[in-house]
Amino acid sequence: MAERPGQQAMILLMLGRNEIDVMKKVIFLNLVFFICNFCLSQKCLNLFCQEISQIDIVKVNAKYEKEAMYFYDSNWKEFRKQALKQGLITGYKLQRTPIDSTNHFTIILITEYQDSVQHAKSEANFREIIKGISPNGPKFLNNIQRKEFVEFNTSYNTKTIAVDENRR
């Protein structure tokens, strides 16, 4: 069966439209890929996926300074080191103030999370870490329990608003 002259032009036109559609899809997919890569870059993460920090402030009686520092160094810090190794947190800080005129000092415990999703899983994640590192409970110096040296404890969850670009 012979093709009519108009039929050939129609077939070429249809092939051209299909090629154009394929090109549009390729361009669209490349654009989506570029946007996703950009959004996963550090600068874009700062805009869309806000880092969460949990800040615990603990007021300690200075007569238990050694016991308190031992407790946080041997327990809190060790659990965070393991969480960091496993990628469950992005960082941590253990800070303290000098002893004040009331014979107290403050310990500031900061645990940093990539985002609210990572933070939401933190309790379950730390429960597993604690079981692995300290299955018999926390370590104490001189058998002085936490309730004996902690006089005040409060927590805050914060979102990072701005960060020194050189920090990342």
N, C-alpha and C. Protein backbone atom coordinates (compact mmCIF):
# COMPACT_ATOMS: atom_id res chain seq x y z
N MET A 1 0.84 -1.17 0.00
CA MET A 1 0.00 0.00 0.00
C MET A 1 0.89 1.23 0.00
N ALA A 2 0.67 2.10 -0.90
CA ALA A 2 1.50 3.29 -1.05
C ALA A 2 1.04 4.39 -0.11
N GLU A 3 2.06 5.12 0.42
CA GLU A 3 1.74 6.22 1.32
C GLU A 3 1.44 7.47 0.49
N ARG A 4 0.52 8.24 0.96
CA ARG A 4 0.23 9.50 0.28
C ARG A 4 1.24 10.55 0.72
N PRO A 5 1.53 11.51 -0.12
CA PRO A 5 2.51 12.54 0.23
C PRO A 5 2.20 13.26 1.54
N GLY A 6 0.98 13.55 1.84
CA GLY A 6 0.62 14.24 3.07
C GLY A 6 0.84 13.38 4.30
N GLN A 7 0.74 12.06 4.09
CA GLN A 7 0.93 11.13 5.20
C GLN A 7 2.38 11.15 5.69
N GLN A 8 3.35 11.25 4.79
CA GLN A 8 4.76 11.32 5.17
C GLN A 8 5.04 12.58 6.00
N ALA A 9 4.49 13.68 5.57
CA ALA A 9 4.70 14.92 6.31
C ALA A 9 4.10 14.81 7.71
N MET A 10 2.93 14.15 7.81
CA MET A 10 2.27 13.97 9.11
C MET A 10 3.12 13.08 10.02
N ILE A 11 3.70 12.01 9.46
CA ILE A 11 4.56 11.11 10.25
C ILE A 11 5.79 11.88 10.74
N LEU A 12 6.42 12.68 9.89
CA LEU A 12 7.58 13.47 10.30
C LEU A 12 7.19 14.48 11.38
N LEU A 13 6.03 15.10 11.21
CA LEU A 13 5.56 16.07 12.19
C LEU A 13 5.31 15.38 13.54
N MET A 14 4.74 14.16 13.51
CA MET A 14 4.49 13.41 14.75
C MET A 14 5.80 13.01 15.42
N LEU A 15 6.76 12.59 14.61
CA LEU A 15 8.06 12.25 15.18
C LEU A 15 8.69 13.48 15.82
N GLY A 16 8.55 14.62 15.17
CA GLY A 16 9.10 15.86 15.71
C GLY A 16 8.47 16.22 17.03
N ARG A 17 7.15 16.06 17.15
CA ARG A 17 6.45 16.36 18.40
C ARG A 17 6.91 15.42 19.50
N ASN A 18 7.08 14.15 19.20
CA ASN A 18 7.55 13.19 20.20
C ASN A 18 8.95 13.55 20.68
N GLU A 19 9.82 13.91 19.72
CA GLU A 19 11.17 14.31 20.11
C GLU A 19 11.15 15.56 20.97
N ILE A 20 10.27 16.50 20.64
CA ILE A 20 10.14 17.72 21.44
C ILE A 20 9.64 17.36 22.84
N ASP A 21 8.64 16.47 22.92
CA ASP A 21 8.13 16.04 24.23
C ASP A 21 9.22 15.36 25.05
N VAL A 22 10.03 14.52 24.40
CA VAL A 22 11.13 13.85 25.10
C VAL A 22 12.12 14.90 25.60
N MET A 23 12.44 15.87 24.76
CA MET A 23 13.38 16.92 25.16
C MET A 23 12.82 17.72 26.34
N LYS A 24 11.52 18.02 26.31
CA LYS A 24 10.90 18.76 27.42
C LYS A 24 11.03 17.96 28.71
N LYS A 25 10.80 16.64 28.63
CA LYS A 25 10.90 15.79 29.81
C LYS A 25 12.34 15.74 30.33
N VAL A 26 13.30 15.65 29.42
CA VAL A 26 14.70 15.62 29.82
C VAL A 26 15.08 16.94 30.50
N ILE A 27 14.67 18.04 29.91
CA ILE A 27 14.97 19.36 30.50
C ILE A 27 14.30 19.48 31.87
N PHE A 28 13.05 19.05 31.97
CA PHE A 28 12.33 19.12 33.24
C PHE A 28 13.03 18.27 34.31
N LEU A 29 13.41 17.04 33.97
CA LEU A 29 14.08 16.17 34.93
C LEU A 29 15.44 16.73 35.35
N ASN A 30 16.16 17.33 34.41
CA ASN A 30 17.44 17.96 34.75
C ASN A 30 17.22 19.13 35.69
N LEU A 31 16.16 19.90 35.46
CA LEU A 31 15.84 21.03 36.33
C LEU A 31 15.49 20.54 37.73
N VAL A 32 14.67 19.49 37.83
CA VAL A 32 14.31 18.92 39.12
C VAL A 32 15.57 18.41 39.84
N PHE A 33 16.44 17.71 39.11
CA PHE A 33 17.69 17.21 39.68
C PHE A 33 18.55 18.37 40.21
N PHE A 34 18.66 19.44 39.44
CA PHE A 34 19.45 20.60 39.85
C PHE A 34 18.86 21.23 41.12
N ILE A 35 17.55 21.38 41.17
CA ILE A 35 16.90 21.99 42.34
C ILE A 35 17.10 21.11 43.57
N CYS A 36 16.95 19.79 43.41
CA CYS A 36 17.16 18.88 44.55
C CYS A 36 18.59 18.96 45.06
N ASN A 37 19.56 18.98 44.15
CA ASN A 37 20.96 19.09 44.56
C ASN A 37 21.21 20.40 45.28
N PHE A 38 20.62 21.47 44.77
CA PHE A 38 20.79 22.77 45.41
C PHE A 38 20.19 22.75 46.82
N CYS A 39 19.00 22.16 46.95
CA CYS A 39 18.33 22.13 48.25
C CYS A 39 19.05 21.24 49.25
N LEU A 40 19.85 20.33 48.79
CA LEU A 40 20.61 19.49 49.70
C LEU A 40 21.97 20.08 50.05
N SER A 41 22.31 21.18 49.41
CA SER A 41 23.58 21.83 49.74
C SER A 41 23.47 22.49 51.10
N GLN A 42 24.59 22.79 51.73
CA GLN A 42 24.60 23.35 53.08
C GLN A 42 23.83 24.65 53.18
N LYS A 43 24.03 25.53 52.24
CA LYS A 43 23.38 26.84 52.34
C LYS A 43 21.88 26.70 52.26
N CYS A 44 21.41 25.81 51.41
CA CYS A 44 19.97 25.62 51.28
C CYS A 44 19.41 24.91 52.50
N LEU A 45 20.18 23.98 53.08
CA LEU A 45 19.71 23.31 54.28
C LEU A 45 19.47 24.32 55.39
N ASN A 46 20.32 25.34 55.47
CA ASN A 46 20.13 26.36 56.49
C ASN A 46 18.81 27.09 56.31
N LEU A 47 18.33 27.19 55.06
CA LEU A 47 17.09 27.88 54.80
C LEU A 47 15.87 27.02 55.08
N PHE A 48 15.93 25.73 54.76
CA PHE A 48 14.75 24.89 54.79
C PHE A 48 14.72 23.88 55.93
N CYS A 49 15.83 23.31 56.29
CA CYS A 49 15.88 22.28 57.34
C CYS A 49 16.59 22.87 58.54
N GLN A 50 15.83 23.45 59.44
CA GLN A 50 16.45 24.13 60.56
C GLN A 50 17.00 23.16 61.59
N GLU A 51 18.23 23.42 61.98
CA GLU A 51 18.87 22.64 63.03
C GLU A 51 18.14 22.89 64.34
N ILE A 52 18.00 21.84 65.12
CA ILE A 52 17.37 21.92 66.44
C ILE A 52 18.45 21.68 67.49
N SER A 53 18.44 22.51 68.52
CA SER A 53 19.35 22.30 69.65
C SER A 53 18.51 22.10 70.90
N GLN A 54 18.85 21.08 71.66
CA GLN A 54 18.23 20.90 72.96
C GLN A 54 19.23 21.42 73.97
N ILE A 55 18.80 22.38 74.76
CA ILE A 55 19.67 23.01 75.75
C ILE A 55 19.13 22.70 77.15
N ASP A 56 19.94 22.03 77.93
CA ASP A 56 19.59 21.72 79.32
C ASP A 56 20.46 22.57 80.22
N ILE A 57 19.82 23.23 81.18
CA ILE A 57 20.54 24.09 82.12
C ILE A 57 20.37 23.48 83.50
N VAL A 58 21.51 23.17 84.14
CA VAL A 58 21.51 22.46 85.40
C VAL A 58 22.27 23.30 86.43
N LYS A 59 21.60 23.64 87.51
CA LYS A 59 22.25 24.37 88.61
C LYS A 59 22.76 23.34 89.62
N VAL A 60 24.04 23.47 89.98
CA VAL A 60 24.70 22.46 90.82
C VAL A 60 25.31 23.13 92.06
N ASN A 61 25.15 22.46 93.19
CA ASN A 61 25.79 22.89 94.43
C ASN A 61 27.29 22.61 94.28
N ALA A 62 28.11 23.64 94.52
CA ALA A 62 29.55 23.53 94.29
C ALA A 62 30.23 22.49 95.19
N LYS A 63 29.61 22.14 96.32
CA LYS A 63 30.26 21.13 97.16
C LYS A 63 30.27 19.76 96.48
N TYR A 64 29.47 19.61 95.43
CA TYR A 64 29.44 18.36 94.64
C TYR A 64 30.02 18.57 93.23
N GLU A 65 30.92 19.53 93.11
CA GLU A 65 31.48 19.85 91.79
C GLU A 65 32.12 18.63 91.11
N LYS A 66 32.97 17.93 91.82
CA LYS A 66 33.65 16.76 91.23
C LYS A 66 32.65 15.69 90.81
N GLU A 67 31.68 15.42 91.68
CA GLU A 67 30.68 14.39 91.39
C GLU A 67 29.83 14.78 90.18
N ALA A 68 29.44 16.04 90.11
CA ALA A 68 28.61 16.50 88.99
C ALA A 68 29.39 16.43 87.68
N MET A 69 30.61 16.93 87.68
CA MET A 69 31.40 16.92 86.45
C MET A 69 31.71 15.49 86.02
N TYR A 70 31.98 14.62 86.97
CA TYR A 70 32.20 13.21 86.64
C TYR A 70 30.94 12.61 86.02
N PHE A 71 29.79 12.89 86.62
CA PHE A 71 28.53 12.33 86.13
C PHE A 71 28.29 12.74 84.67
N TYR A 72 28.42 14.02 84.36
CA TYR A 72 28.12 14.48 83.00
C TYR A 72 29.21 14.06 82.02
N ASP A 73 30.44 14.01 82.46
CA ASP A 73 31.53 13.58 81.59
C ASP A 73 31.45 12.09 81.29
N SER A 74 31.11 11.28 82.30
CA SER A 74 31.10 9.82 82.14
C SER A 74 29.80 9.27 81.57
N ASN A 75 28.76 10.04 81.62
CA ASN A 75 27.46 9.57 81.13
C ASN A 75 27.00 10.40 79.94
N TRP A 76 26.58 11.62 80.20
CA TRP A 76 26.01 12.48 79.16
C TRP A 76 26.95 12.58 77.95
N LYS A 77 28.22 12.92 78.22
CA LYS A 77 29.17 13.11 77.12
C LYS A 77 29.42 11.80 76.36
N GLU A 78 29.57 10.70 77.07
CA GLU A 78 29.82 9.41 76.40
C GLU A 78 28.65 8.99 75.53
N PHE A 79 27.43 9.26 75.98
CA PHE A 79 26.25 8.92 75.17
C PHE A 79 26.22 9.78 73.90
N ARG A 80 26.60 11.04 74.01
CA ARG A 80 26.60 11.92 72.84
C ARG A 80 27.72 11.55 71.86
N LYS A 81 28.87 11.16 72.39
CA LYS A 81 29.95 10.71 71.49
C LYS A 81 29.49 9.55 70.62
N GLN A 82 28.79 8.60 71.24
CA GLN A 82 28.28 7.44 70.50
C GLN A 82 27.19 7.88 69.50
N ALA A 83 26.31 8.76 69.92
CA ALA A 83 25.25 9.24 69.03
C ALA A 83 25.84 9.97 67.82
N LEU A 84 26.90 10.72 68.05
CA LEU A 84 27.57 11.43 66.97
C LEU A 84 28.20 10.43 65.99
N LYS A 85 28.85 9.40 66.51
CA LYS A 85 29.45 8.35 65.66
C LYS A 85 28.39 7.69 64.79
N GLN A 86 27.20 7.50 65.35
CA GLN A 86 26.12 6.82 64.63
C GLN A 86 25.33 7.77 63.73
N GLY A 87 25.67 9.06 63.75
CA GLY A 87 24.95 10.02 62.92
C GLY A 87 23.57 10.39 63.46
N LEU A 88 23.35 10.17 64.75
CA LEU A 88 22.04 10.45 65.35
C LEU A 88 21.92 11.89 65.84
N ILE A 89 23.06 12.56 65.98
CA ILE A 89 23.10 13.98 66.33
C ILE A 89 24.18 14.63 65.46
N THR A 90 24.17 15.95 65.39
CA THR A 90 25.20 16.64 64.61
C THR A 90 26.29 17.24 65.48
N GLY A 91 26.03 17.32 66.79
CA GLY A 91 27.06 17.86 67.67
C GLY A 91 26.56 17.96 69.10
N TYR A 92 27.49 18.29 70.00
CA TYR A 92 27.13 18.47 71.40
C TYR A 92 28.16 19.38 72.06
N LYS A 93 27.75 20.01 73.15
CA LYS A 93 28.64 20.86 73.94
C LYS A 93 28.30 20.67 75.41
N LEU A 94 29.33 20.55 76.22
CA LEU A 94 29.19 20.50 77.67
C LEU A 94 29.93 21.73 78.19
N GLN A 95 29.17 22.67 78.76
CA GLN A 95 29.76 23.93 79.23
C GLN A 95 29.41 24.14 80.69
N ARG A 96 30.17 25.01 81.33
CA ARG A 96 29.87 25.34 82.72
C ARG A 96 30.28 26.76 83.03
N THR A 97 29.66 27.30 84.05
CA THR A 97 29.99 28.63 84.51
C THR A 97 30.91 28.52 85.72
N PRO A 98 31.57 29.62 86.08
CA PRO A 98 32.34 29.61 87.33
C PRO A 98 31.39 29.51 88.53
N ILE A 99 31.93 29.16 89.67
CA ILE A 99 31.14 29.11 90.90
C ILE A 99 30.75 30.54 91.26
N ASP A 100 29.47 30.73 91.59
CA ASP A 100 28.98 32.08 91.90
C ASP A 100 29.03 32.36 93.40
N SER A 101 28.50 33.52 93.79
CA SER A 101 28.55 33.95 95.20
C SER A 101 27.65 33.10 96.11
N THR A 102 26.73 32.36 95.55
CA THR A 102 25.86 31.48 96.35
C THR A 102 26.42 30.06 96.44
N ASN A 103 27.64 29.87 95.98
CA ASN A 103 28.33 28.57 95.99
C ASN A 103 27.66 27.54 95.08
N HIS A 104 27.23 28.04 93.92
CA HIS A 104 26.64 27.19 92.89
C HIS A 104 27.31 27.48 91.55
N PHE A 105 27.18 26.56 90.63
CA PHE A 105 27.59 26.81 89.25
C PHE A 105 26.56 26.17 88.35
N THR A 106 26.59 26.54 87.09
CA THR A 106 25.62 26.05 86.13
C THR A 106 26.33 25.23 85.06
N ILE A 107 25.75 24.09 84.76
CA ILE A 107 26.22 23.27 83.65
C ILE A 107 25.21 23.45 82.52
N ILE A 108 25.73 23.70 81.34
CA ILE A 108 24.90 23.88 80.15
C ILE A 108 25.22 22.73 79.19
N LEU A 109 24.19 21.96 78.89
CA LEU A 109 24.33 20.78 78.03
C LEU A 109 23.60 21.07 76.72
N ILE A 110 24.30 21.03 75.62
CA ILE A 110 23.70 21.33 74.32
C ILE A 110 23.87 20.13 73.40
N THR A 111 22.76 19.65 72.89
CA THR A 111 22.78 18.56 71.92
C THR A 111 22.16 19.10 70.64
N GLU A 112 22.89 18.96 69.53
CA GLU A 112 22.44 19.52 68.25
C GLU A 112 21.95 18.41 67.32
N TYR A 113 20.81 18.69 66.70
CA TYR A 113 20.18 17.75 65.77
C TYR A 113 20.06 18.39 64.39
N GLN A 114 20.13 17.57 63.37
CA GLN A 114 20.04 18.06 61.99
C GLN A 114 18.72 18.77 61.75
N ASP A 115 17.64 18.22 62.27
CA ASP A 115 16.31 18.79 62.05
C ASP A 115 15.34 18.22 63.08
N SER A 116 14.08 18.60 62.96
CA SER A 116 13.08 18.16 63.93
C SER A 116 12.81 16.66 63.84
N VAL A 117 13.01 16.06 62.68
CA VAL A 117 12.81 14.61 62.53
C VAL A 117 13.85 13.87 63.37
N GLN A 118 15.12 14.27 63.25
CA GLN A 118 16.19 13.64 64.03
C GLN A 118 15.94 13.86 65.52
N HIS A 119 15.49 15.05 65.89
CA HIS A 119 15.23 15.35 67.29
C HIS A 119 14.08 14.50 67.84
N ALA A 120 13.05 14.28 67.04
CA ALA A 120 11.90 13.50 67.49
C ALA A 120 12.28 12.05 67.81
N LYS A 121 13.31 11.56 67.17
CA LYS A 121 13.76 10.18 67.39
C LYS A 121 14.79 10.07 68.51
N SER A 122 15.16 11.19 69.10
CA SER A 122 16.29 11.20 70.04
C SER A 122 16.06 10.36 71.29
N GLU A 123 14.87 10.40 71.84
CA GLU A 123 14.64 9.66 73.08
C GLU A 123 14.83 8.15 72.86
N ALA A 124 14.24 7.62 71.80
CA ALA A 124 14.40 6.20 71.50
C ALA A 124 15.85 5.88 71.16
N ASN A 125 16.51 6.76 70.41
CA ASN A 125 17.91 6.53 70.03
C ASN A 125 18.81 6.50 71.26
N PHE A 126 18.63 7.45 72.17
CA PHE A 126 19.47 7.49 73.37
C PHE A 126 19.18 6.32 74.31
N ARG A 127 17.94 5.88 74.34
CA ARG A 127 17.60 4.72 75.17
C ARG A 127 18.45 3.52 74.75
N GLU A 128 18.59 3.31 73.44
CA GLU A 128 19.40 2.20 72.92
C GLU A 128 20.89 2.40 73.23
N ILE A 129 21.36 3.62 73.07
CA ILE A 129 22.77 3.92 73.35
C ILE A 129 23.08 3.69 74.83
N ILE A 130 22.19 4.15 75.70
CA ILE A 130 22.39 4.00 77.14
C ILE A 130 22.41 2.52 77.51
N LYS A 131 21.52 1.74 76.92
CA LYS A 131 21.52 0.29 77.18
C LYS A 131 22.85 -0.34 76.80
N GLY A 132 23.42 0.12 75.68
CA GLY A 132 24.68 -0.45 75.22
C GLY A 132 25.89 -0.02 76.03
N ILE A 133 25.95 1.23 76.41
CA ILE A 133 27.11 1.77 77.12
C ILE A 133 27.03 1.55 78.62
N SER A 134 25.85 1.73 79.16
CA SER A 134 25.69 1.70 80.61
C SER A 134 24.47 0.86 81.00
N PRO A 135 24.52 -0.46 80.74
CA PRO A 135 23.34 -1.30 80.99
C PRO A 135 22.92 -1.38 82.46
N ASN A 136 23.86 -1.11 83.36
CA ASN A 136 23.55 -1.17 84.80
C ASN A 136 23.21 0.20 85.38
N GLY A 137 22.98 1.18 84.54
CA GLY A 137 22.63 2.52 85.00
C GLY A 137 23.80 3.47 84.92
N PRO A 138 23.56 4.74 85.26
CA PRO A 138 24.61 5.76 85.15
C PRO A 138 25.76 5.53 86.13
N LYS A 139 26.89 6.13 85.78
CA LYS A 139 28.10 6.04 86.61
C LYS A 139 28.13 7.26 87.54
N PHE A 140 28.43 7.01 88.81
CA PHE A 140 28.51 8.07 89.81
C PHE A 140 29.86 8.03 90.50
N LEU A 141 30.33 9.20 90.92
CA LEU A 141 31.55 9.30 91.71
C LEU A 141 31.15 9.36 93.18
N ASN A 142 31.83 8.59 94.01
CA ASN A 142 31.58 8.56 95.46
C ASN A 142 30.14 8.17 95.79
N ASN A 143 29.49 7.49 94.88
CA ASN A 143 28.11 7.04 95.05
C ASN A 143 27.13 8.18 95.35
N ILE A 144 27.48 9.41 94.92
CA ILE A 144 26.61 10.56 95.08
C ILE A 144 25.65 10.58 93.88
N GLN A 145 24.36 10.43 94.15
CA GLN A 145 23.34 10.37 93.10
C GLN A 145 23.06 11.76 92.52
N ARG A 146 22.57 11.80 91.30
CA ARG A 146 22.29 13.05 90.60
C ARG A 146 21.36 13.96 91.41
N LYS A 147 20.35 13.38 92.02
CA LYS A 147 19.38 14.20 92.77
C LYS A 147 20.04 14.93 93.95
N GLU A 148 21.22 14.47 94.39
CA GLU A 148 21.91 15.12 95.50
C GLU A 148 22.67 16.38 95.05
N PHE A 149 23.13 16.41 93.80
CA PHE A 149 23.91 17.58 93.38
C PHE A 149 23.16 18.52 92.43
N VAL A 150 22.09 18.06 91.80
CA VAL A 150 21.32 18.93 90.91
C VAL A 150 20.24 19.63 91.72
N GLU A 151 20.28 20.96 91.72
CA GLU A 151 19.28 21.73 92.45
C GLU A 151 18.20 22.29 91.54
N PHE A 152 18.52 22.42 90.26
CA PHE A 152 17.56 23.00 89.32
C PHE A 152 17.91 22.49 87.94
N ASN A 153 16.89 22.13 87.19
CA ASN A 153 17.14 21.62 85.83
C ASN A 153 16.00 22.11 84.94
N THR A 154 16.34 22.69 83.81
CA THR A 154 15.33 23.10 82.84
C THR A 154 15.85 22.81 81.44
N SER A 155 14.93 22.66 80.51
CA SER A 155 15.31 22.34 79.12
C SER A 155 14.62 23.29 78.15
N TYR A 156 15.32 23.55 77.06
CA TYR A 156 14.77 24.34 75.96
C TYR A 156 15.10 23.64 74.65
N ASN A 157 14.16 23.65 73.72
CA ASN A 157 14.44 23.21 72.36
C ASN A 157 14.42 24.46 71.49
N THR A 158 15.51 24.68 70.77
CA THR A 158 15.62 25.89 69.96
C THR A 158 15.85 25.53 68.49
N LYS A 159 15.47 26.44 67.61
CA LYS A 159 15.74 26.30 66.18
C LYS A 159 16.84 27.29 65.83
N THR A 160 17.79 26.85 65.03
CA THR A 160 18.87 27.73 64.61
C THR A 160 18.33 28.71 63.59
N ILE A 161 18.56 29.98 63.83
CA ILE A 161 18.11 31.03 62.94
C ILE A 161 19.25 31.48 62.02
N ALA A 162 20.42 31.65 62.59
CA ALA A 162 21.59 32.08 61.80
C ALA A 162 22.84 31.39 62.34
N VAL A 163 23.75 31.12 61.43
CA VAL A 163 25.00 30.45 61.78
C VAL A 163 26.14 31.13 61.01
N ASP A 164 27.26 31.27 61.64
CA ASP A 164 28.46 31.75 60.96
C ASP A 164 28.75 30.80 59.81
N GLU A 165 28.80 31.31 58.60
CA GLU A 165 28.99 30.46 57.42
C GLU A 165 30.30 29.68 57.47
N ASN A 166 31.29 30.17 58.18
CA ASN A 166 32.57 29.47 58.28
C ASN A 166 32.47 28.26 59.20
N ARG A 167 31.43 28.19 60.03
CA ARG A 167 31.26 27.09 60.97
C ARG A 167 30.99 25.78 60.26
N ARG A 168 30.28 25.80 59.18
CA ARG A 168 29.88 24.57 58.49
C ARG A 168 31.04 24.07 57.73
